[in-house]
Amino acid sequence: MKNSKKQLEEYIKLYLNDAEDYGDDDEFLIIAENTLTKFNKNLITESEFDLESVLTEAINKAQTKSKTVLQDFRIYIQNI
């Protein structure tokens, strides 16, 4: 799935909005914001990239709480 940096930013915004609206855990929202902001900043600024591959690599390297967020984010964008 080829995506642009702008699309990724939109996915992150939608995910965080939904997490805030439907989630009941403020700690998760804070972790999600930190994780996805860092993920977005660390991403290569190519015009297009394979988001699935980049997410898989990030998930494999992530700590437990960040890994949960990234796995949930991957499921979220697959269902958009």
N, C-alpha and C. Protein backbone atom coordinates (compact mmCIF):
# COMPACT_ATOMS: atom_id res chain seq x y z
N MET A 1 0.85 -1.15 0.00
CA MET A 1 0.00 0.00 0.00
C MET A 1 0.90 1.22 0.00
N LYS A 2 0.93 1.94 -1.10
CA LYS A 2 1.75 3.14 -1.24
C LYS A 2 1.01 4.33 -0.64
N ASN A 3 1.73 5.08 0.17
CA ASN A 3 1.14 6.23 0.83
C ASN A 3 2.12 7.39 0.78
N SER A 4 1.58 8.58 0.94
CA SER A 4 2.41 9.77 1.02
C SER A 4 2.47 10.23 2.47
N LYS A 5 3.39 11.13 2.74
CA LYS A 5 3.54 11.69 4.09
C LYS A 5 2.24 12.40 4.50
N LYS A 6 1.61 13.09 3.56
CA LYS A 6 0.36 13.80 3.85
C LYS A 6 -0.75 12.82 4.23
N GLN A 7 -0.84 11.70 3.53
CA GLN A 7 -1.84 10.68 3.85
C GLN A 7 -1.60 10.11 5.24
N LEU A 8 -0.33 9.84 5.55
CA LEU A 8 0.02 9.31 6.86
C LEU A 8 -0.40 10.29 7.96
N GLU A 9 -0.13 11.55 7.77
CA GLU A 9 -0.52 12.56 8.75
C GLU A 9 -2.03 12.58 8.95
N GLU A 10 -2.77 12.41 7.87
CA GLU A 10 -4.24 12.37 7.96
C GLU A 10 -4.70 11.12 8.71
N TYR A 11 -4.10 9.97 8.43
CA TYR A 11 -4.43 8.74 9.14
C TYR A 11 -4.16 8.89 10.64
N ILE A 12 -3.04 9.47 10.97
CA ILE A 12 -2.69 9.67 12.38
C ILE A 12 -3.71 10.58 13.05
N LYS A 13 -4.06 11.66 12.38
CA LYS A 13 -5.05 12.61 12.93
C LYS A 13 -6.39 11.91 13.17
N LEU A 14 -6.85 11.13 12.20
CA LEU A 14 -8.12 10.41 12.34
C LEU A 14 -8.06 9.39 13.47
N TYR A 15 -6.95 8.66 13.54
CA TYR A 15 -6.78 7.65 14.58
C TYR A 15 -6.82 8.28 15.96
N LEU A 16 -6.07 9.35 16.14
CA LEU A 16 -6.02 10.01 17.44
C LEU A 16 -7.36 10.62 17.82
N ASN A 17 -8.07 11.17 16.85
CA ASN A 17 -9.41 11.70 17.12
C ASN A 17 -10.35 10.59 17.57
N ASP A 18 -10.31 9.46 16.89
CA ASP A 18 -11.16 8.34 17.27
C ASP A 18 -10.76 7.77 18.63
N ALA A 19 -9.46 7.69 18.88
CA ALA A 19 -8.99 7.20 20.18
C ALA A 19 -9.47 8.12 21.30
N GLU A 20 -9.47 9.41 21.04
CA GLU A 20 -9.93 10.37 22.04
C GLU A 20 -11.45 10.28 22.23
N ASP A 21 -12.18 10.14 21.13
CA ASP A 21 -13.64 10.10 21.20
C ASP A 21 -14.18 8.80 21.77
N TYR A 22 -13.55 7.68 21.42
CA TYR A 22 -14.12 6.38 21.77
C TYR A 22 -13.32 5.62 22.82
N GLY A 23 -12.12 6.06 23.10
CA GLY A 23 -11.30 5.37 24.09
C GLY A 23 -11.65 5.81 25.49
N ASP A 24 -11.37 4.98 26.45
CA ASP A 24 -11.65 5.33 27.83
C ASP A 24 -10.37 5.39 28.67
N ASP A 25 -9.24 5.33 28.01
CA ASP A 25 -7.97 5.28 28.71
C ASP A 25 -7.11 6.47 28.27
N ASP A 26 -6.98 7.47 29.14
CA ASP A 26 -6.18 8.65 28.82
C ASP A 26 -4.71 8.31 28.63
N GLU A 27 -4.23 7.32 29.39
CA GLU A 27 -2.83 6.91 29.27
C GLU A 27 -2.57 6.37 27.86
N PHE A 28 -3.50 5.59 27.32
CA PHE A 28 -3.34 5.06 25.97
C PHE A 28 -3.26 6.19 24.96
N LEU A 29 -4.10 7.20 25.11
CA LEU A 29 -4.11 8.33 24.18
C LEU A 29 -2.76 9.05 24.21
N ILE A 30 -2.21 9.26 25.39
CA ILE A 30 -0.90 9.92 25.51
C ILE A 30 0.19 9.08 24.84
N ILE A 31 0.17 7.79 25.10
CA ILE A 31 1.15 6.89 24.48
C ILE A 31 0.98 6.88 22.97
N ALA A 32 -0.27 6.85 22.51
CA ALA A 32 -0.55 6.85 21.07
C ALA A 32 -0.03 8.12 20.41
N GLU A 33 -0.29 9.26 21.02
CA GLU A 33 0.19 10.53 20.47
C GLU A 33 1.71 10.55 20.38
N ASN A 34 2.36 10.15 21.46
CA ASN A 34 3.82 10.14 21.47
C ASN A 34 4.40 9.16 20.45
N THR A 35 3.83 7.97 20.40
CA THR A 35 4.32 6.93 19.49
C THR A 35 4.16 7.33 18.04
N LEU A 36 2.96 7.80 17.68
CA LEU A 36 2.69 8.12 16.28
C LEU A 36 3.39 9.39 15.83
N THR A 37 3.56 10.33 16.73
CA THR A 37 4.31 11.55 16.39
C THR A 37 5.77 11.18 16.11
N LYS A 38 6.34 10.35 16.96
CA LYS A 38 7.73 9.90 16.77
C LYS A 38 7.85 9.07 15.49
N PHE A 39 6.88 8.18 15.25
CA PHE A 39 6.88 7.36 14.04
C PHE A 39 6.86 8.25 12.80
N ASN A 40 6.01 9.26 12.80
CA ASN A 40 5.88 10.15 11.66
C ASN A 40 7.16 10.95 11.44
N LYS A 41 7.78 11.42 12.52
CA LYS A 41 9.01 12.21 12.40
C LYS A 41 10.18 11.37 11.91
N ASN A 42 10.22 10.11 12.31
CA ASN A 42 11.32 9.24 11.93
C ASN A 42 11.19 8.67 10.53
N LEU A 43 10.03 8.83 9.94
CA LEU A 43 9.78 8.26 8.62
C LEU A 43 10.55 9.02 7.55
N ILE A 44 11.10 8.30 6.64
CA ILE A 44 11.81 8.91 5.51
C ILE A 44 10.83 9.81 4.76
N THR A 45 11.30 10.94 4.33
CA THR A 45 10.42 11.92 3.70
C THR A 45 10.30 11.71 2.19
N GLU A 46 10.23 10.48 1.79
CA GLU A 46 10.01 10.17 0.38
C GLU A 46 8.59 10.57 0.01
N SER A 47 8.36 10.81 -1.27
CA SER A 47 7.03 11.22 -1.69
C SER A 47 6.03 10.07 -1.55
N GLU A 48 6.47 8.86 -1.79
CA GLU A 48 5.61 7.69 -1.60
C GLU A 48 6.43 6.59 -0.93
N PHE A 49 5.75 5.79 -0.10
CA PHE A 49 6.42 4.70 0.60
C PHE A 49 5.40 3.62 0.89
N ASP A 50 5.88 2.45 1.19
CA ASP A 50 5.02 1.32 1.52
C ASP A 50 4.76 1.35 3.03
N LEU A 51 3.63 1.88 3.42
CA LEU A 51 3.30 2.07 4.82
C LEU A 51 3.26 0.75 5.58
N GLU A 52 2.78 -0.29 4.96
CA GLU A 52 2.71 -1.60 5.61
C GLU A 52 4.10 -2.08 6.01
N SER A 53 5.06 -1.96 5.12
CA SER A 53 6.43 -2.39 5.41
C SER A 53 7.06 -1.53 6.50
N VAL A 54 6.83 -0.23 6.43
CA VAL A 54 7.40 0.68 7.42
C VAL A 54 6.79 0.41 8.79
N LEU A 55 5.49 0.16 8.84
CA LEU A 55 4.83 -0.15 10.10
C LEU A 55 5.33 -1.48 10.68
N THR A 56 5.48 -2.47 9.83
CA THR A 56 5.98 -3.77 10.28
C THR A 56 7.35 -3.63 10.92
N GLU A 57 8.22 -2.87 10.28
CA GLU A 57 9.56 -2.65 10.83
C GLU A 57 9.49 -1.91 12.16
N ALA A 58 8.64 -0.89 12.24
CA ALA A 58 8.49 -0.12 13.48
C ALA A 58 7.93 -1.00 14.60
N ILE A 59 6.97 -1.85 14.26
CA ILE A 59 6.37 -2.75 15.26
C ILE A 59 7.43 -3.71 15.80
N ASN A 60 8.26 -4.23 14.92
CA ASN A 60 9.29 -5.18 15.34
C ASN A 60 10.32 -4.55 16.27
N LYS A 61 10.56 -3.25 16.14
CA LYS A 61 11.55 -2.55 16.94
C LYS A 61 10.97 -1.90 18.20
N ALA A 62 9.65 -1.81 18.29
CA ALA A 62 9.00 -1.03 19.34
C ALA A 62 8.97 -1.75 20.69
N GLN A 63 8.90 -0.93 21.73
CA GLN A 63 8.67 -1.43 23.09
C GLN A 63 7.21 -1.87 23.20
N THR A 64 6.84 -2.52 24.27
CA THR A 64 5.53 -3.14 24.43
C THR A 64 4.36 -2.18 24.21
N LYS A 65 4.34 -1.05 24.91
CA LYS A 65 3.21 -0.13 24.79
C LYS A 65 3.14 0.51 23.41
N SER A 66 4.27 0.90 22.88
CA SER A 66 4.30 1.48 21.53
C SER A 66 3.93 0.43 20.49
N LYS A 67 4.35 -0.81 20.72
CA LYS A 67 4.02 -1.89 19.78
C LYS A 67 2.51 -2.07 19.71
N THR A 68 1.83 -2.01 20.85
CA THR A 68 0.37 -2.14 20.88
C THR A 68 -0.28 -1.02 20.08
N VAL A 69 0.20 0.19 20.24
CA VAL A 69 -0.35 1.34 19.50
C VAL A 69 -0.14 1.15 18.00
N LEU A 70 1.07 0.79 17.61
CA LEU A 70 1.37 0.63 16.18
C LEU A 70 0.57 -0.51 15.56
N GLN A 71 0.39 -1.60 16.29
CA GLN A 71 -0.43 -2.71 15.78
C GLN A 71 -1.88 -2.27 15.61
N ASP A 72 -2.39 -1.54 16.58
CA ASP A 72 -3.76 -1.04 16.51
C ASP A 72 -3.91 -0.03 15.36
N PHE A 73 -2.91 0.82 15.19
CA PHE A 73 -2.92 1.80 14.10
C PHE A 73 -2.92 1.10 12.75
N ARG A 74 -2.14 0.02 12.62
CA ARG A 74 -2.12 -0.72 11.35
C ARG A 74 -3.50 -1.30 11.04
N ILE A 75 -4.15 -1.88 12.02
CA ILE A 75 -5.50 -2.42 11.83
C ILE A 75 -6.46 -1.29 11.46
N TYR A 76 -6.32 -0.16 12.12
CA TYR A 76 -7.18 1.00 11.86
C TYR A 76 -7.09 1.45 10.40
N ILE A 77 -5.86 1.64 9.91
CA ILE A 77 -5.74 2.14 8.54
C ILE A 77 -6.13 1.09 7.50
N GLN A 78 -6.01 -0.18 7.85
CA GLN A 78 -6.45 -1.23 6.91
C GLN A 78 -7.96 -1.22 6.76
N ASN A 79 -8.67 -0.68 7.76
CA ASN A 79 -10.12 -0.66 7.72
C ASN A 79 -10.71 0.67 7.28
N ILE A 80 -9.86 1.61 6.91
CA ILE A 80 -10.37 2.90 6.43
C ILE A 80 -10.87 2.74 5.02
